[in-house]
Amino acid sequence: MALRRKNKQDNLLQRLFRFILKCIFWLFVLSIVMVFVYKKAPVPATPLMVIRGFQQNQEGKDIVWKHDWVSIDKISKKIQLAVICNEDQNFLKHNGFDFKAIEKAFQYNKKGKRIKGGSTISQQTAKNVFLWPERSWLRKGLETYFTFLIEKIWSKERIMEVYLNSIEMGNGIYGVEAASQYWFNKSASQLSQQEAAAIAAILPNPRKYKANPASSYIESRKKWTINQMRYIGVLDYNKSK
């Protein structure tokens, strides 16, 4: 009787183990398929957009969800360069991870300080499109996995296109086209250098800062960004990696 019970338990464990392996396998396949689909197709929504909408509904607020996908050729090169200057100046050089920036962030965090630059544009894109915003080791591991995938399957220009169409750029404002219309009443293709720098300047905390009218802090970030844009010069994706 005891032997029969043990065999039954072993069979249950084996079936559970096989089930878990199948789930992992199909999740792996699904992740590959999603990355290939989004290599060309617009990203209609991200987990963050859904979460923000749910939070607004739970708090009894009007749901603000502005998101208009536009192709990279309809996005000013000025805003593309501005976000590179602010978020990831080695974007065209690295393979998804800027280890010097990560090390610098780690050293500052040990001292109780926080700086931008630890996560690359590629990492932010992977997180925004495929994952949830909360910090955890699981999410960080999956972020690394998806970053590796998009760097292998997408071009740098495509990563930038998805990034600029998915990132939060205001309270309920997602993507550069919606942000351009919201902050400056114009399309993303018509952004000036000053306007592009203003939008890029609020990215550390787009729900707190305003691109227009800009505070003294954002004005100082704008000036710094414009100086960096002039230093870097022309944005050329053909020179990536």
Protein backbone atom coordinates (compact mmCIF):
# COMPACT_ATOMS: atom_id res chain seq x y z
CA MET A 1 0.00 0.00 0.00
CA ALA A 2 2.79 2.36 0.96
CA LEU A 3 4.68 1.45 -2.23
CA ARG A 4 1.59 2.14 -4.34
CA ARG A 5 1.15 5.53 -2.64
CA LYS A 6 4.80 6.36 -3.27
CA ASN A 7 4.54 5.40 -6.95
CA LYS A 8 1.44 7.56 -7.26
CA GLN A 9 3.26 10.52 -5.72
CA ASP A 10 6.23 9.97 -8.04
CA ASN A 11 3.91 9.93 -11.05
CA LEU A 12 2.28 13.18 -9.91
CA LEU A 13 5.67 14.82 -9.48
CA GLN A 14 6.80 13.62 -12.91
CA ARG A 15 3.62 14.96 -14.52
CA LEU A 16 4.00 18.27 -12.71
CA PHE A 17 7.64 18.50 -13.80
CA ARG A 18 6.71 17.77 -17.43
CA PHE A 19 3.93 20.36 -17.25
CA ILE A 20 6.35 23.00 -15.93
CA LEU A 21 8.86 22.16 -18.68
CA LYS A 22 6.16 22.46 -21.33
CA CYS A 23 5.07 25.82 -19.94
CA ILE A 24 8.64 27.09 -20.00
CA PHE A 25 9.12 25.83 -23.55
CA TRP A 26 5.94 27.47 -24.86
CA LEU A 27 6.68 30.72 -23.03
CA PHE A 28 10.09 30.70 -24.69
CA VAL A 29 8.49 30.11 -28.11
CA LEU A 30 5.92 32.84 -27.46
CA SER A 31 8.63 35.33 -26.51
CA ILE A 32 10.50 34.66 -29.77
CA VAL A 33 7.31 35.02 -31.79
CA MET A 34 6.42 38.31 -30.08
CA VAL A 35 9.85 39.78 -30.76
CA PHE A 36 9.62 38.80 -34.43
CA VAL A 37 6.09 40.21 -34.72
CA TYR A 38 7.15 43.52 -33.20
CA LYS A 39 10.11 43.69 -35.52
CA LYS A 40 7.66 45.14 -38.06
CA ALA A 41 4.24 45.58 -36.44
CA PRO A 42 3.35 48.58 -34.25
CA VAL A 43 3.07 47.94 -30.52
CA PRO A 44 -0.59 48.77 -29.75
CA ALA A 45 -0.19 48.88 -25.95
CA THR A 46 2.31 48.07 -23.23
CA PRO A 47 1.84 46.56 -19.76
CA LEU A 48 2.58 49.97 -18.20
CA MET A 49 -0.23 51.61 -20.18
CA VAL A 50 -2.69 48.99 -18.93
CA ILE A 51 -1.45 49.27 -15.34
CA ARG A 52 -1.68 53.08 -15.36
CA GLY A 53 -5.22 52.90 -16.77
CA PHE A 54 -6.23 50.38 -14.11
CA GLN A 55 -4.72 52.56 -11.35
CA GLN A 56 -6.59 55.63 -12.59
CA ASN A 57 -9.84 53.66 -12.65
CA GLN A 58 -9.27 52.30 -9.13
CA GLU A 59 -8.58 55.81 -7.86
CA GLY A 60 -11.81 57.09 -9.44
CA LYS A 61 -9.94 59.34 -11.86
CA ASP A 62 -10.63 59.89 -15.55
CA ILE A 63 -8.58 57.43 -17.58
CA VAL A 64 -5.97 59.34 -19.57
CA TRP A 65 -4.42 57.20 -22.28
CA LYS A 66 -2.95 59.12 -25.23
CA HIS A 67 -0.90 57.00 -27.61
CA ASP A 68 -0.42 57.49 -31.35
CA TRP A 69 2.05 55.22 -33.14
CA VAL A 70 4.11 56.85 -35.90
CA SER A 71 6.90 55.40 -38.02
CA ILE A 72 10.51 56.46 -37.45
CA ASP A 73 10.53 58.56 -40.63
CA LYS A 74 7.80 60.73 -39.04
CA ILE A 75 9.81 61.34 -35.89
CA SER A 76 12.22 64.26 -35.86
CA LYS A 77 15.88 63.28 -35.74
CA LYS A 78 16.21 65.98 -33.10
CA ILE A 79 14.16 64.05 -30.53
CA GLN A 80 15.95 60.82 -31.43
CA LEU A 81 19.28 62.48 -30.74
CA ALA A 82 17.98 64.23 -27.63
CA VAL A 83 16.91 61.00 -25.92
CA ILE A 84 20.23 59.38 -26.81
CA CYS A 85 22.04 62.32 -25.17
CA ASN A 86 19.92 62.05 -22.03
CA GLU A 87 19.36 58.32 -21.68
CA ASP A 88 22.09 56.36 -23.45
CA GLN A 89 24.96 58.07 -25.23
CA ASN A 90 26.52 54.74 -26.20
CA PHE A 91 23.28 53.46 -27.77
CA LEU A 92 24.79 53.02 -31.23
CA LYS A 93 27.94 51.37 -29.85
CA HIS A 94 26.80 48.75 -27.35
CA ASN A 95 25.02 45.42 -27.78
CA GLY A 96 22.21 46.27 -25.40
CA PHE A 97 24.18 46.72 -22.17
CA ASP A 98 26.45 49.58 -21.13
CA PHE A 99 28.55 47.88 -18.48
CA LYS A 100 30.46 51.03 -17.54
CA ALA A 101 27.19 52.85 -16.86
CA ILE A 102 25.87 49.87 -14.90
CA GLU A 103 29.03 49.77 -12.77
CA LYS A 104 28.85 53.52 -12.18
CA ALA A 105 25.22 53.28 -11.12
CA PHE A 106 26.04 50.38 -8.80
CA GLN A 107 28.83 52.30 -7.09
CA TYR A 108 26.62 55.35 -6.57
CA ASN A 109 23.74 53.22 -5.31
CA LYS A 110 26.04 51.69 -2.67
CA LYS A 111 26.57 55.23 -1.35
CA GLY A 112 22.85 55.81 -1.21
CA LYS A 113 22.78 57.91 -4.37
CA ARG A 114 20.91 57.33 -7.62
CA ILE A 115 21.89 58.33 -11.13
CA LYS A 116 20.46 57.77 -14.56
CA GLY A 117 22.36 55.74 -17.11
CA GLY A 118 22.28 52.26 -15.63
CA SER A 119 19.69 51.02 -18.10
CA THR A 120 20.22 51.48 -21.82
CA ILE A 121 17.54 52.46 -24.32
CA SER A 122 17.47 48.82 -25.40
CA GLN A 123 16.83 47.66 -21.82
CA GLN A 124 14.14 50.28 -21.33
CA THR A 125 12.48 49.20 -24.58
CA ALA A 126 12.51 45.54 -23.53
CA LYS A 127 11.00 46.44 -20.15
CA ASN A 128 8.37 48.81 -21.57
CA VAL A 129 7.11 46.50 -24.30
CA PHE A 130 7.30 43.04 -22.75
CA LEU A 131 7.40 43.40 -18.96
CA TRP A 132 5.92 45.06 -15.89
CA PRO A 133 7.43 48.15 -14.19
CA GLU A 134 8.04 46.91 -10.62
CA ARG A 135 11.61 46.10 -9.61
CA SER A 136 12.49 42.46 -8.92
CA TRP A 137 15.21 39.98 -9.76
CA LEU A 138 12.79 38.03 -11.95
CA ARG A 139 11.87 41.09 -13.99
CA LYS A 140 15.52 42.11 -14.29
CA GLY A 141 16.42 38.64 -15.53
CA LEU A 142 13.62 38.70 -18.11
CA GLU A 143 14.64 42.24 -19.11
CA THR A 144 18.15 40.95 -19.82
CA TYR A 145 16.70 38.11 -21.90
CA PHE A 146 14.41 40.36 -23.97
CA THR A 147 17.17 42.95 -24.40
CA PHE A 148 19.40 40.25 -25.87
CA LEU A 149 16.59 39.17 -28.21
CA ILE A 150 15.72 42.60 -29.58
CA GLU A 151 19.38 43.48 -30.07
CA LYS A 152 19.81 40.31 -32.13
CA ILE A 153 16.53 40.48 -34.08
CA TRP A 154 15.80 44.20 -34.43
CA SER A 155 17.95 46.99 -35.85
CA LYS A 156 19.04 49.93 -33.71
CA GLU A 157 16.67 52.13 -35.68
CA ARG A 158 13.77 49.78 -34.91
CA ILE A 159 14.65 49.76 -31.22
CA MET A 160 14.57 53.56 -31.26
CA GLU A 161 11.26 53.56 -33.14
CA VAL A 162 9.61 51.24 -30.60
CA TYR A 163 11.18 53.09 -27.68
CA LEU A 164 9.93 56.49 -28.81
CA ASN A 165 6.46 55.11 -29.47
CA SER A 166 6.13 53.28 -26.15
CA ILE A 167 7.84 55.35 -23.46
CA GLU A 168 5.83 57.35 -20.91
CA MET A 169 6.24 61.08 -21.62
CA GLY A 170 3.65 62.57 -19.29
CA ASN A 171 0.75 61.53 -17.10
CA GLY A 172 -1.14 59.17 -19.42
CA ILE A 173 0.95 60.33 -22.39
CA TYR A 174 2.75 57.53 -24.23
CA GLY A 175 5.03 57.90 -27.22
CA VAL A 176 6.59 60.90 -28.86
CA GLU A 177 3.68 61.74 -31.17
CA ALA A 178 1.19 62.02 -28.30
CA ALA A 179 3.80 63.92 -26.25
CA SER A 180 4.50 66.37 -29.08
CA GLN A 181 0.79 67.07 -29.50
CA TYR A 182 0.24 67.34 -25.74
CA TRP A 183 3.19 69.56 -24.87
CA PHE A 184 3.63 71.62 -28.05
CA ASN A 185 0.52 71.13 -30.23
CA LYS A 186 2.52 69.81 -33.16
CA SER A 187 3.53 66.48 -34.67
CA ALA A 188 6.73 64.65 -33.72
CA SER A 189 8.17 65.34 -37.16
CA GLN A 190 8.07 69.11 -36.53
CA LEU A 191 9.79 69.28 -33.15
CA SER A 192 12.47 71.93 -32.84
CA GLN A 193 15.75 71.36 -31.04
CA GLN A 194 14.48 73.23 -27.97
CA GLU A 195 11.23 71.22 -27.89
CA ALA A 196 13.00 67.90 -28.42
CA ALA A 197 15.41 68.71 -25.59
CA ALA A 198 12.48 69.66 -23.33
CA ILE A 199 10.70 66.33 -23.86
CA ALA A 200 13.92 64.38 -23.38
CA ALA A 201 14.66 66.35 -20.21
CA ILE A 202 11.51 65.13 -18.41
CA LEU A 203 12.13 61.43 -19.02
CA PRO A 204 13.64 60.66 -15.60
CA ASN A 205 10.18 61.35 -14.14
CA PRO A 206 7.62 62.31 -16.82
CA ARG A 207 4.70 62.25 -14.35
CA LYS A 208 6.41 64.86 -12.16
CA TYR A 209 8.10 67.20 -14.64
CA LYS A 210 6.59 69.31 -17.42
CA ALA A 211 8.13 69.89 -20.82
CA ASN A 212 6.07 73.03 -21.28
CA PRO A 213 6.15 75.29 -19.36
CA ALA A 214 9.53 74.09 -18.15
CA SER A 215 10.75 74.62 -14.60
CA SER A 216 14.21 76.07 -13.94
CA TYR A 217 15.46 72.52 -13.39
CA ILE A 218 14.13 71.32 -16.75
CA GLU A 219 15.52 74.44 -18.43
CA SER A 220 18.98 73.56 -17.11
CA ARG A 221 18.58 70.00 -18.38
CA LYS A 222 17.46 71.35 -21.76
CA LYS A 223 20.61 73.47 -22.06
CA TRP A 224 22.80 70.52 -21.14
CA THR A 225 21.00 68.30 -23.67
CA ILE A 226 21.36 70.85 -26.47
CA ASN A 227 25.10 71.14 -25.78
CA GLN A 228 25.39 67.36 -25.96
CA MET A 229 23.39 67.27 -29.20
CA ARG A 230 25.75 69.81 -30.76
CA TYR A 231 28.75 67.80 -29.55
CA ILE A 232 27.49 64.47 -30.94
CA GLY A 233 26.28 66.01 -34.18
CA VAL A 234 24.49 63.95 -36.84
CA LEU A 235 22.68 60.76 -35.85
CA ASP A 236 23.67 57.91 -38.19
CA TYR A 237 22.27 54.42 -37.52
CA ASN A 238 24.56 52.94 -40.15
CA LYS A 239 27.44 53.45 -37.75
CA SER A 240 25.87 51.35 -35.02
CA LYS A 241 28.06 48.64 -33.44
